[in-house]
Amino acid sequence: MKGIGTGHLFLDHAPKYERVERERRYLLTQLPEGLKLQDEHAQITDNYITGTRLRLRKSRWVPTNEWTLKLTQKHTPRPPDFSRTLITSIYLNEYEYEVFSVFEGNELRKNRYPFEHEGRTYSIDVFLGALYGLILAETDFDDDSEMDDSPKPPFAARDVTRDELFTGGRLAYTTIDELRAELARREGSKT
C-alpha cells in the first residue's frame, strides 16, 4: 500500500460533499397487501468492498431496462443509531464501474419495489441469493422529528432501524440461516 506520505488525514472535509440520510427499516414476514412479485421493480446488486465503507451498486429498472451505476460511501456517525447515516455517492459510467468492480467485495442482491401506504413511499426489498426469504421495507425522511414520530406501518413485523444486523454492510456478510439463528438466539435470551 502506498499510503499518504507524511502528515495526517484532514477529517473535517466530509460535510462539504456528504448528506444526511434519514431512514427507518422494518422487517416483514410477507409482501404488503396489494404488492406482487411481478409488479414494477428494480434489480439491485450491491458489492460492499472488503475493509472499506464503500459500496458499488448497479441497479436496473426492469420496465425500461435502464441502468444506474454508482459508488457510495455510507457510514454511521453515531452508532448504534443506524437511522441516520452520512452518504456520498458518485454516479459512474460503464467503464468506471468495471474499474471498481475488480475490488474484492461481498455481494447483496435484491429486488426493490416502490410501495405507497398512507401517503408515504416505502422501498420493499426482496432479497435474493444467500438472503433469499428476507424482506425489508425502508422509508426516508426529510428531518429528524418526522422520522422519530413516524409509527411502524401495519404491514411490518418489527422495526429494525437501530439494529446493525439489518444494515446493508452487515447483511452482505450474512446468510438467511445465520440471520434466522441470530434472531432465534435473541428471542431465546429474552425468556
N, C-alpha and C. Protein backbone atom coordinates (compact mmCIF):
# COMPACT_ATOMS: atom_id res chain seq x y z
N MET A 1 0.85 -1.18 0.00
CA MET A 1 0.00 0.00 0.00
C MET A 1 0.89 1.23 0.00
N LYS A 2 0.57 2.18 -0.83
CA LYS A 2 1.40 3.36 -0.99
C LYS A 2 1.29 4.33 0.18
N GLY A 3 0.12 4.45 0.79
CA GLY A 3 -0.03 5.37 1.90
C GLY A 3 -0.19 6.80 1.42
N ILE A 4 -0.22 7.73 2.37
CA ILE A 4 -0.42 9.13 2.01
C ILE A 4 0.82 9.97 2.22
N GLY A 5 1.89 9.36 2.66
CA GLY A 5 3.12 10.13 2.90
C GLY A 5 3.12 10.69 4.31
N THR A 6 3.85 11.78 4.50
CA THR A 6 3.93 12.37 5.83
C THR A 6 2.70 13.22 6.10
N GLY A 7 2.49 13.54 7.34
CA GLY A 7 1.34 14.35 7.73
C GLY A 7 0.21 13.48 8.24
N HIS A 8 -0.97 14.06 8.30
CA HIS A 8 -2.13 13.33 8.79
C HIS A 8 -3.35 13.66 7.93
N LEU A 9 -4.35 12.82 8.03
CA LEU A 9 -5.56 12.96 7.23
C LEU A 9 -6.47 14.02 7.83
N PHE A 10 -6.87 14.98 7.02
CA PHE A 10 -7.80 16.03 7.45
C PHE A 10 -9.19 15.41 7.52
N LEU A 11 -9.78 15.35 8.71
CA LEU A 11 -11.03 14.63 8.90
C LEU A 11 -12.27 15.49 8.76
N ASP A 12 -12.14 16.80 8.62
CA ASP A 12 -13.31 17.66 8.60
C ASP A 12 -13.73 18.05 7.18
N HIS A 13 -13.37 17.23 6.19
CA HIS A 13 -13.70 17.55 4.80
C HIS A 13 -15.08 17.06 4.38
N ALA A 14 -15.59 16.03 5.03
CA ALA A 14 -16.78 15.34 4.57
C ALA A 14 -18.05 16.19 4.47
N PRO A 15 -18.37 17.07 5.41
CA PRO A 15 -19.66 17.77 5.32
C PRO A 15 -19.88 18.52 4.02
N LYS A 16 -18.83 18.88 3.34
CA LYS A 16 -18.96 19.60 2.09
C LYS A 16 -19.62 18.76 0.99
N TYR A 17 -19.44 17.46 1.04
CA TYR A 17 -19.90 16.59 -0.03
C TYR A 17 -20.96 15.57 0.37
N GLU A 18 -21.02 15.23 1.63
CA GLU A 18 -21.97 14.20 2.04
C GLU A 18 -23.29 14.81 2.50
N ARG A 19 -24.31 13.97 2.51
CA ARG A 19 -25.61 14.39 3.01
C ARG A 19 -26.07 13.42 4.07
N VAL A 20 -26.98 13.88 4.91
CA VAL A 20 -27.54 13.01 5.94
C VAL A 20 -28.70 12.23 5.32
N GLU A 21 -28.67 10.94 5.49
CA GLU A 21 -29.77 10.09 5.06
C GLU A 21 -30.50 9.62 6.31
N ARG A 22 -31.79 9.93 6.36
CA ARG A 22 -32.62 9.52 7.49
C ARG A 22 -33.60 8.46 6.99
N GLU A 23 -33.51 7.27 7.55
CA GLU A 23 -34.43 6.24 7.11
C GLU A 23 -34.78 5.30 8.25
N ARG A 24 -35.96 4.74 8.14
CA ARG A 24 -36.41 3.70 9.06
C ARG A 24 -36.50 2.41 8.26
N ARG A 25 -36.13 1.29 8.89
CA ARG A 25 -36.16 -0.03 8.27
C ARG A 25 -37.05 -0.95 9.09
N TYR A 26 -37.78 -1.79 8.37
CA TYR A 26 -38.72 -2.71 9.01
C TYR A 26 -38.56 -4.11 8.43
N LEU A 27 -38.65 -5.10 9.30
CA LEU A 27 -38.64 -6.50 8.90
C LEU A 27 -40.08 -6.90 8.57
N LEU A 28 -40.25 -7.54 7.43
CA LEU A 28 -41.57 -8.01 7.00
C LEU A 28 -41.57 -9.54 6.95
N THR A 29 -42.72 -10.14 7.20
CA THR A 29 -42.84 -11.59 7.07
C THR A 29 -43.40 -11.98 5.71
N GLN A 30 -43.98 -11.00 5.01
CA GLN A 30 -44.51 -11.22 3.67
C GLN A 30 -44.64 -9.88 2.97
N LEU A 31 -44.92 -9.91 1.69
CA LEU A 31 -45.14 -8.67 0.95
C LEU A 31 -46.38 -7.97 1.49
N PRO A 32 -46.39 -6.64 1.52
CA PRO A 32 -47.59 -5.93 1.94
C PRO A 32 -48.76 -6.26 1.02
N GLU A 33 -49.95 -6.22 1.57
CA GLU A 33 -51.15 -6.49 0.78
C GLU A 33 -51.20 -5.53 -0.41
N GLY A 34 -51.46 -6.09 -1.58
CA GLY A 34 -51.54 -5.29 -2.79
C GLY A 34 -50.26 -5.28 -3.61
N LEU A 35 -49.16 -5.76 -3.06
CA LEU A 35 -47.89 -5.80 -3.79
C LEU A 35 -47.62 -7.23 -4.25
N LYS A 36 -47.21 -7.38 -5.50
CA LYS A 36 -46.92 -8.70 -6.06
C LYS A 36 -45.50 -8.72 -6.62
N LEU A 37 -44.89 -9.90 -6.63
CA LEU A 37 -43.51 -10.03 -7.11
C LEU A 37 -43.36 -9.60 -8.57
N GLN A 38 -44.41 -9.70 -9.35
CA GLN A 38 -44.31 -9.31 -10.77
C GLN A 38 -44.55 -7.82 -10.99
N ASP A 39 -44.85 -7.05 -9.93
CA ASP A 39 -45.02 -5.61 -10.07
C ASP A 39 -43.71 -4.95 -10.49
N GLU A 40 -43.79 -3.70 -10.95
CA GLU A 40 -42.60 -2.96 -11.38
C GLU A 40 -41.59 -2.88 -10.23
N HIS A 41 -40.33 -3.11 -10.59
CA HIS A 41 -39.27 -3.09 -9.56
C HIS A 41 -37.91 -2.86 -10.20
N ALA A 42 -36.95 -2.62 -9.32
CA ALA A 42 -35.54 -2.51 -9.73
C ALA A 42 -34.81 -3.75 -9.25
N GLN A 43 -33.87 -4.21 -10.06
CA GLN A 43 -32.97 -5.28 -9.64
C GLN A 43 -31.67 -4.62 -9.21
N ILE A 44 -31.26 -4.87 -7.98
CA ILE A 44 -30.10 -4.20 -7.40
C ILE A 44 -29.05 -5.22 -7.00
N THR A 45 -27.82 -4.95 -7.39
CA THR A 45 -26.67 -5.73 -6.92
C THR A 45 -25.72 -4.76 -6.25
N ASP A 46 -25.47 -4.99 -4.97
CA ASP A 46 -24.53 -4.19 -4.20
C ASP A 46 -23.30 -5.02 -3.89
N ASN A 47 -22.13 -4.44 -4.07
CA ASN A 47 -20.89 -5.07 -3.65
C ASN A 47 -20.24 -4.17 -2.61
N TYR A 48 -20.16 -4.67 -1.38
CA TYR A 48 -19.53 -3.94 -0.29
C TYR A 48 -18.05 -4.28 -0.33
N ILE A 49 -17.23 -3.29 -0.67
CA ILE A 49 -15.81 -3.52 -0.87
C ILE A 49 -15.15 -3.81 0.47
N THR A 50 -14.55 -4.97 0.55
CA THR A 50 -13.99 -5.50 1.79
C THR A 50 -13.05 -4.52 2.47
N GLY A 51 -13.27 -4.31 3.76
CA GLY A 51 -12.40 -3.47 4.58
C GLY A 51 -12.62 -1.98 4.41
N THR A 52 -13.67 -1.57 3.70
CA THR A 52 -13.93 -0.15 3.46
C THR A 52 -15.38 0.18 3.83
N ARG A 53 -15.72 1.45 3.68
CA ARG A 53 -17.11 1.90 3.85
C ARG A 53 -17.76 2.12 2.49
N LEU A 54 -17.20 1.51 1.45
CA LEU A 54 -17.63 1.74 0.08
C LEU A 54 -18.54 0.63 -0.44
N ARG A 55 -19.54 1.06 -1.21
CA ARG A 55 -20.49 0.14 -1.84
C ARG A 55 -20.56 0.48 -3.33
N LEU A 56 -20.38 -0.54 -4.15
CA LEU A 56 -20.52 -0.41 -5.59
C LEU A 56 -21.90 -0.97 -5.96
N ARG A 57 -22.74 -0.14 -6.57
CA ARG A 57 -24.12 -0.55 -6.86
C ARG A 57 -24.41 -0.47 -8.35
N LYS A 58 -25.07 -1.52 -8.83
CA LYS A 58 -25.68 -1.45 -10.15
C LYS A 58 -27.16 -1.77 -9.96
N SER A 59 -27.97 -0.93 -10.56
CA SER A 59 -29.42 -1.04 -10.40
C SER A 59 -30.07 -0.94 -11.77
N ARG A 60 -30.96 -1.88 -12.05
CA ARG A 60 -31.67 -1.90 -13.34
C ARG A 60 -33.16 -1.76 -13.07
N TRP A 61 -33.77 -0.69 -13.61
CA TRP A 61 -35.21 -0.54 -13.53
C TRP A 61 -35.79 -1.44 -14.61
N VAL A 62 -36.43 -2.54 -14.20
CA VAL A 62 -36.85 -3.60 -15.10
C VAL A 62 -37.79 -3.12 -16.22
N PRO A 63 -38.80 -2.30 -15.94
CA PRO A 63 -39.73 -1.92 -17.02
C PRO A 63 -39.08 -1.21 -18.22
N THR A 64 -38.00 -0.47 -17.99
CA THR A 64 -37.36 0.28 -19.08
C THR A 64 -35.97 -0.25 -19.43
N ASN A 65 -35.46 -1.20 -18.64
CA ASN A 65 -34.12 -1.76 -18.83
C ASN A 65 -33.04 -0.68 -18.73
N GLU A 66 -33.27 0.35 -17.91
CA GLU A 66 -32.29 1.42 -17.70
C GLU A 66 -31.43 1.08 -16.47
N TRP A 67 -30.13 1.32 -16.61
CA TRP A 67 -29.17 1.02 -15.56
C TRP A 67 -28.70 2.29 -14.87
N THR A 68 -28.45 2.18 -13.57
CA THR A 68 -27.78 3.21 -12.78
C THR A 68 -26.59 2.54 -12.11
N LEU A 69 -25.43 3.16 -12.24
CA LEU A 69 -24.19 2.64 -11.65
C LEU A 69 -23.63 3.70 -10.72
N LYS A 70 -23.28 3.32 -9.49
CA LYS A 70 -22.72 4.32 -8.59
C LYS A 70 -21.83 3.70 -7.53
N LEU A 71 -20.93 4.53 -7.04
CA LEU A 71 -20.05 4.21 -5.93
C LEU A 71 -20.49 5.07 -4.76
N THR A 72 -20.73 4.44 -3.63
CA THR A 72 -21.26 5.15 -2.47
C THR A 72 -20.42 4.86 -1.24
N GLN A 73 -20.19 5.92 -0.47
CA GLN A 73 -19.62 5.76 0.87
C GLN A 73 -20.77 6.07 1.83
N LYS A 74 -21.01 5.15 2.74
CA LYS A 74 -22.12 5.32 3.68
C LYS A 74 -21.61 4.88 5.05
N HIS A 75 -21.77 5.76 6.03
CA HIS A 75 -21.33 5.38 7.37
C HIS A 75 -22.20 6.04 8.43
N THR A 76 -22.18 5.46 9.59
CA THR A 76 -22.99 5.93 10.71
C THR A 76 -22.13 6.77 11.64
N PRO A 77 -22.47 8.04 11.81
CA PRO A 77 -21.65 8.88 12.67
C PRO A 77 -21.81 8.59 14.16
N ARG A 78 -22.97 8.03 14.54
CA ARG A 78 -23.23 7.79 15.97
C ARG A 78 -23.82 6.40 16.21
N PRO A 79 -23.06 5.34 15.98
CA PRO A 79 -23.61 4.03 16.28
C PRO A 79 -23.94 3.96 17.77
N PRO A 80 -24.96 3.31 18.20
CA PRO A 80 -25.78 2.36 17.44
C PRO A 80 -27.01 2.97 16.77
N ASP A 81 -27.02 4.26 16.53
CA ASP A 81 -28.16 4.87 15.83
C ASP A 81 -27.92 4.76 14.33
N PHE A 82 -28.46 3.69 13.73
CA PHE A 82 -28.29 3.45 12.30
C PHE A 82 -29.40 4.08 11.47
N SER A 83 -30.24 4.90 12.10
CA SER A 83 -31.31 5.59 11.37
C SER A 83 -30.77 6.81 10.63
N ARG A 84 -29.64 7.33 11.06
CA ARG A 84 -29.03 8.50 10.42
C ARG A 84 -27.64 8.11 9.95
N THR A 85 -27.46 8.19 8.64
CA THR A 85 -26.16 7.86 8.09
C THR A 85 -25.68 9.03 7.24
N LEU A 86 -24.39 9.11 7.04
CA LEU A 86 -23.79 10.10 6.16
C LEU A 86 -23.46 9.37 4.86
N ILE A 87 -23.90 9.95 3.75
CA ILE A 87 -23.78 9.26 2.47
C ILE A 87 -23.21 10.20 1.41
N THR A 88 -22.30 9.67 0.62
CA THR A 88 -21.73 10.38 -0.52
C THR A 88 -21.77 9.42 -1.70
N SER A 89 -22.34 9.86 -2.82
CA SER A 89 -22.46 9.00 -4.00
C SER A 89 -21.83 9.66 -5.22
N ILE A 90 -21.24 8.83 -6.04
CA ILE A 90 -20.69 9.24 -7.32
C ILE A 90 -21.34 8.35 -8.37
N TYR A 91 -21.98 8.96 -9.35
CA TYR A 91 -22.55 8.19 -10.45
C TYR A 91 -21.45 7.86 -11.44
N LEU A 92 -21.46 6.63 -11.92
CA LEU A 92 -20.38 6.11 -12.76
C LEU A 92 -20.88 5.79 -14.16
N ASN A 93 -19.94 5.80 -15.11
CA ASN A 93 -20.26 5.24 -16.42
C ASN A 93 -19.85 3.76 -16.40
N GLU A 94 -20.10 3.06 -17.50
CA GLU A 94 -19.84 1.64 -17.54
C GLU A 94 -18.36 1.30 -17.32
N TYR A 95 -17.48 2.05 -17.93
CA TYR A 95 -16.05 1.80 -17.78
C TYR A 95 -15.61 2.01 -16.33
N GLU A 96 -16.04 3.11 -15.72
CA GLU A 96 -15.68 3.39 -14.33
C GLU A 96 -16.21 2.28 -13.41
N TYR A 97 -17.42 1.82 -13.65
CA TYR A 97 -17.98 0.72 -12.85
C TYR A 97 -17.08 -0.52 -12.94
N GLU A 98 -16.66 -0.85 -14.15
CA GLU A 98 -15.81 -2.02 -14.35
C GLU A 98 -14.47 -1.87 -13.63
N VAL A 99 -13.91 -0.67 -13.63
CA VAL A 99 -12.64 -0.42 -12.93
C VAL A 99 -12.79 -0.75 -11.44
N PHE A 100 -13.86 -0.27 -10.83
CA PHE A 100 -14.07 -0.51 -9.40
C PHE A 100 -14.50 -1.95 -9.10
N SER A 101 -15.06 -2.63 -10.07
CA SER A 101 -15.57 -3.98 -9.81
C SER A 101 -14.45 -5.01 -9.57
N VAL A 102 -13.21 -4.65 -9.81
CA VAL A 102 -12.10 -5.59 -9.56
C VAL A 102 -11.81 -5.75 -8.07
N PHE A 103 -12.27 -4.80 -7.25
CA PHE A 103 -12.02 -4.90 -5.81
C PHE A 103 -12.87 -6.00 -5.20
N GLU A 104 -12.26 -6.74 -4.26
CA GLU A 104 -12.99 -7.80 -3.58
C GLU A 104 -14.14 -7.21 -2.77
N GLY A 105 -15.31 -7.82 -2.90
CA GLY A 105 -16.46 -7.33 -2.17
C GLY A 105 -17.43 -8.45 -1.86
N ASN A 106 -18.31 -8.18 -0.93
CA ASN A 106 -19.37 -9.12 -0.58
C ASN A 106 -20.66 -8.63 -1.23
N GLU A 107 -21.33 -9.51 -1.92
CA GLU A 107 -22.46 -9.13 -2.76
C GLU A 107 -23.80 -9.30 -2.05
N LEU A 108 -24.66 -8.33 -2.26
CA LEU A 108 -26.06 -8.39 -1.85
C LEU A 108 -26.90 -8.21 -3.11
N ARG A 109 -27.89 -9.08 -3.30
CA ARG A 109 -28.79 -8.93 -4.44
C ARG A 109 -30.22 -8.84 -3.93
N LYS A 110 -30.99 -7.94 -4.54
CA LYS A 110 -32.37 -7.77 -4.11
C LYS A 110 -33.18 -7.15 -5.22
N ASN A 111 -34.47 -7.38 -5.14
CA ASN A 111 -35.43 -6.67 -5.99
C ASN A 111 -36.10 -5.63 -5.11
N ARG A 112 -36.17 -4.39 -5.61
CA ARG A 112 -36.72 -3.28 -4.84
C ARG A 112 -38.01 -2.79 -5.51
N TYR A 113 -39.08 -2.79 -4.70
CA TYR A 113 -40.40 -2.40 -5.18
C TYR A 113 -40.82 -1.09 -4.52
N PRO A 114 -41.27 -0.10 -5.29
CA PRO A 114 -41.85 1.09 -4.67
C PRO A 114 -43.25 0.72 -4.15
N PHE A 115 -43.59 1.22 -2.96
CA PHE A 115 -44.88 0.89 -2.36
C PHE A 115 -45.40 2.09 -1.59
N GLU A 116 -46.62 2.48 -1.87
CA GLU A 116 -47.26 3.61 -1.19
C GLU A 116 -48.18 3.10 -0.10
N HIS A 117 -48.09 3.72 1.07
CA HIS A 117 -49.01 3.39 2.16
C HIS A 117 -49.27 4.66 2.97
N GLU A 118 -50.53 5.05 3.03
CA GLU A 118 -50.96 6.22 3.79
C GLU A 118 -50.12 7.46 3.48
N GLY A 119 -49.89 7.70 2.19
CA GLY A 119 -49.18 8.89 1.76
C GLY A 119 -47.67 8.83 1.89
N ARG A 120 -47.12 7.70 2.30
CA ARG A 120 -45.67 7.55 2.45
C ARG A 120 -45.17 6.52 1.46
N THR A 121 -44.02 6.79 0.85
CA THR A 121 -43.41 5.85 -0.08
C THR A 121 -42.39 4.98 0.65
N TYR A 122 -42.52 3.69 0.46
CA TYR A 122 -41.59 2.70 1.03
C TYR A 122 -40.87 2.01 -0.11
N SER A 123 -39.66 1.56 0.16
CA SER A 123 -38.95 0.65 -0.72
C SER A 123 -39.04 -0.72 -0.08
N ILE A 124 -39.64 -1.66 -0.78
CA ILE A 124 -39.76 -3.03 -0.28
C ILE A 124 -38.66 -3.83 -0.95
N ASP A 125 -37.72 -4.34 -0.16
CA ASP A 125 -36.59 -5.10 -0.69
C ASP A 125 -36.80 -6.59 -0.46
N VAL A 126 -36.86 -7.34 -1.55
CA VAL A 126 -36.97 -8.80 -1.51
C VAL A 126 -35.59 -9.33 -1.87
N PHE A 127 -34.92 -9.91 -0.89
CA PHE A 127 -33.53 -10.33 -1.07
C PHE A 127 -33.45 -11.65 -1.82
N LEU A 128 -32.37 -11.80 -2.57
CA LEU A 128 -32.10 -12.99 -3.38
C LEU A 128 -30.81 -13.63 -2.89
N GLY A 129 -30.43 -14.72 -3.51
CA GLY A 129 -29.15 -15.36 -3.17
C GLY A 129 -29.10 -15.85 -1.74
N ALA A 130 -28.00 -15.55 -1.05
CA ALA A 130 -27.77 -16.04 0.31
C ALA A 130 -28.80 -15.55 1.33
N LEU A 131 -29.51 -14.48 1.00
CA LEU A 131 -30.52 -13.94 1.92
C LEU A 131 -31.94 -14.17 1.42
N TYR A 132 -32.11 -15.13 0.51
CA TYR A 132 -33.43 -15.42 -0.04
C TYR A 132 -34.41 -15.73 1.11
N GLY A 133 -35.52 -15.02 1.10
CA GLY A 133 -36.51 -15.17 2.17
C GLY A 133 -36.61 -13.93 3.05
N LEU A 134 -35.61 -13.07 2.99
CA LEU A 134 -35.62 -11.84 3.78
C LEU A 134 -36.36 -10.75 3.00
N ILE A 135 -37.28 -10.08 3.70
CA ILE A 135 -37.99 -8.94 3.12
C ILE A 135 -37.89 -7.79 4.09
N LEU A 136 -37.38 -6.66 3.61
CA LEU A 136 -37.28 -5.44 4.41
C LEU A 136 -38.01 -4.31 3.71
N ALA A 137 -38.51 -3.38 4.51
CA ALA A 137 -39.08 -2.14 3.98
C ALA A 137 -38.28 -0.99 4.57
N GLU A 138 -38.07 0.04 3.77
CA GLU A 138 -37.43 1.24 4.31
C GLU A 138 -38.11 2.46 3.72
N THR A 139 -38.04 3.54 4.48
CA THR A 139 -38.61 4.79 4.04
C THR A 139 -37.74 5.93 4.53
N ASP A 140 -37.64 6.98 3.72
CA ASP A 140 -36.76 8.12 4.00
C ASP A 140 -37.55 9.29 4.56
N PHE A 141 -36.84 10.15 5.30
CA PHE A 141 -37.44 11.33 5.93
C PHE A 141 -36.59 12.55 5.67
N ASP A 142 -37.24 13.72 5.66
CA ASP A 142 -36.54 14.98 5.45
C ASP A 142 -35.93 15.54 6.72
N ASP A 143 -36.52 15.22 7.88
CA ASP A 143 -35.97 15.78 9.13
C ASP A 143 -36.11 14.76 10.26
N ASP A 144 -35.38 15.02 11.34
CA ASP A 144 -35.32 14.09 12.47
C ASP A 144 -36.67 13.91 13.16
N SER A 145 -37.39 15.01 13.38
CA SER A 145 -38.64 14.89 14.13
C SER A 145 -39.67 14.07 13.35
N GLU A 146 -39.75 14.28 12.05
CA GLU A 146 -40.67 13.48 11.23
C GLU A 146 -40.32 11.99 11.34
N MET A 147 -39.02 11.68 11.28
CA MET A 147 -38.59 10.29 11.37
C MET A 147 -38.89 9.71 12.75
N ASP A 148 -38.55 10.46 13.79
CA ASP A 148 -38.73 9.95 15.14
C ASP A 148 -40.20 9.76 15.50
N ASP A 149 -41.10 10.55 14.89
CA ASP A 149 -42.53 10.47 15.20
C ASP A 149 -43.28 9.48 14.31
N SER A 150 -42.62 8.89 13.35
CA SER A 150 -43.29 8.01 12.40
C SER A 150 -43.57 6.64 13.03
N PRO A 151 -44.83 6.19 13.01
CA PRO A 151 -45.15 4.88 13.58
C PRO A 151 -44.76 3.74 12.65
N LYS A 152 -44.62 2.57 13.21
CA LYS A 152 -44.35 1.36 12.43
C LYS A 152 -45.59 1.07 11.58
N PRO A 153 -45.41 0.83 10.28
CA PRO A 153 -46.58 0.55 9.44
C PRO A 153 -47.19 -0.82 9.80
N PRO A 154 -48.48 -0.99 9.57
CA PRO A 154 -49.15 -2.22 9.97
C PRO A 154 -48.67 -3.47 9.23
N PHE A 155 -48.04 -3.31 8.07
CA PHE A 155 -47.56 -4.48 7.32
C PHE A 155 -46.19 -4.95 7.80
N ALA A 156 -45.58 -4.24 8.75
CA ALA A 156 -44.25 -4.60 9.25
C ALA A 156 -44.35 -5.46 10.50
N ALA A 157 -43.46 -6.44 10.60
CA ALA A 157 -43.40 -7.30 11.78
C ALA A 157 -42.59 -6.66 12.91
N ARG A 158 -41.53 -5.93 12.53
CA ARG A 158 -40.62 -5.39 13.53
C ARG A 158 -39.85 -4.20 12.98
N ASP A 159 -39.61 -3.21 13.81
CA ASP A 159 -38.76 -2.07 13.45
C ASP A 159 -37.32 -2.49 13.72
N VAL A 160 -36.49 -2.51 12.68
CA VAL A 160 -35.09 -2.93 12.82
C VAL A 160 -34.13 -1.79 12.47
N THR A 161 -34.64 -0.57 12.54
CA THR A 161 -33.87 0.61 12.16
C THR A 161 -32.55 0.70 12.91
N ARG A 162 -32.57 0.46 14.19
CA ARG A 162 -31.37 0.65 15.01
C ARG A 162 -30.62 -0.65 15.28
N ASP A 163 -30.88 -1.64 14.46
CA ASP A 163 -30.25 -2.94 14.62
C ASP A 163 -29.18 -3.11 13.53
N GLU A 164 -27.93 -3.12 13.93
CA GLU A 164 -26.82 -3.22 12.98
C GLU A 164 -26.92 -4.45 12.09
N LEU A 165 -27.52 -5.51 12.60
CA LEU A 165 -27.67 -6.75 11.83
C LEU A 165 -28.40 -6.52 10.52
N PHE A 166 -29.26 -5.50 10.46
CA PHE A 166 -30.07 -5.25 9.27
C PHE A 166 -29.55 -4.10 8.41
N THR A 167 -28.32 -3.68 8.64
CA THR A 167 -27.70 -2.70 7.75
C THR A 167 -27.12 -3.45 6.55
N GLY A 168 -27.07 -2.78 5.41
CA GLY A 168 -26.55 -3.42 4.21
C GLY A 168 -25.14 -3.93 4.38
N GLY A 169 -24.30 -3.14 5.04
CA GLY A 169 -22.92 -3.53 5.26
C GLY A 169 -22.78 -4.80 6.07
N ARG A 170 -23.71 -5.05 6.96
CA ARG A 170 -23.68 -6.27 7.77
C ARG A 170 -24.36 -7.43 7.03
N LEU A 171 -25.49 -7.14 6.36
CA LEU A 171 -26.20 -8.19 5.64
C LEU A 171 -25.34 -8.80 4.53
N ALA A 172 -24.42 -8.02 3.97
CA ALA A 172 -23.57 -8.52 2.90
C ALA A 172 -22.68 -9.67 3.36
N TYR A 173 -22.52 -9.84 4.66
CA TYR A 173 -21.67 -10.89 5.22
C TYR A 173 -22.49 -11.95 5.95
N THR A 174 -23.80 -12.01 5.66
CA THR A 174 -24.72 -12.87 6.40
C THR A 174 -25.54 -13.72 5.45
N THR A 175 -25.92 -14.91 5.88
CA THR A 175 -26.85 -15.74 5.12
C THR A 175 -28.20 -15.72 5.83
N ILE A 176 -29.23 -16.19 5.15
CA ILE A 176 -30.55 -16.23 5.77
C ILE A 176 -30.56 -17.17 6.97
N ASP A 177 -29.83 -18.27 6.91
CA ASP A 177 -29.77 -19.19 8.05
C ASP A 177 -29.09 -18.54 9.25
N GLU A 178 -28.00 -17.82 9.01
CA GLU A 178 -27.32 -17.11 10.11
C GLU A 178 -28.23 -16.03 10.70
N LEU A 179 -28.96 -15.34 9.85
CA LEU A 179 -29.87 -14.31 10.31
C LEU A 179 -30.98 -14.91 11.17
N ARG A 180 -31.57 -15.98 10.70
CA ARG A 180 -32.64 -16.66 11.47
C ARG A 180 -32.11 -17.19 12.80
N ALA A 181 -30.91 -17.74 12.79
CA ALA A 181 -30.31 -18.27 14.02
C ALA A 181 -30.08 -17.15 15.03
N GLU A 182 -29.60 -16.00 14.56
CA GLU A 182 -29.36 -14.87 15.45
C GLU A 182 -30.67 -14.34 16.02
N LEU A 183 -31.70 -14.24 15.19
CA LEU A 183 -33.00 -13.79 15.70
C LEU A 183 -33.58 -14.76 16.71
N ALA A 184 -33.42 -16.06 16.46
CA ALA A 184 -33.90 -17.08 17.40
C ALA A 184 -33.11 -17.00 18.71
N ARG A 185 -31.79 -16.78 18.61
CA ARG A 185 -30.96 -16.65 19.82
C ARG A 185 -31.43 -15.47 20.64
N ARG A 186 -31.72 -14.35 19.99
CA ARG A 186 -32.18 -13.16 20.70
C ARG A 186 -33.52 -13.40 21.39
N GLU A 187 -34.43 -14.08 20.68
CA GLU A 187 -35.73 -14.37 21.27
C GLU A 187 -35.57 -15.30 22.47
N GLY A 188 -34.68 -16.29 22.36
CA GLY A 188 -34.42 -17.23 23.45
C GLY A 188 -33.81 -16.57 24.66
N SER A 189 -32.99 -15.54 24.45
CA SER A 189 -32.34 -14.87 25.59
C SER A 189 -33.30 -13.94 26.32
N LYS A 190 -34.47 -13.64 25.72
CA LYS A 190 -35.45 -12.79 26.37
C LYS A 190 -36.28 -13.57 27.40
N THR A 191 -36.33 -14.90 27.24
CA THR A 191 -37.15 -15.71 28.16
C THR A 191 -36.37 -16.20 29.33
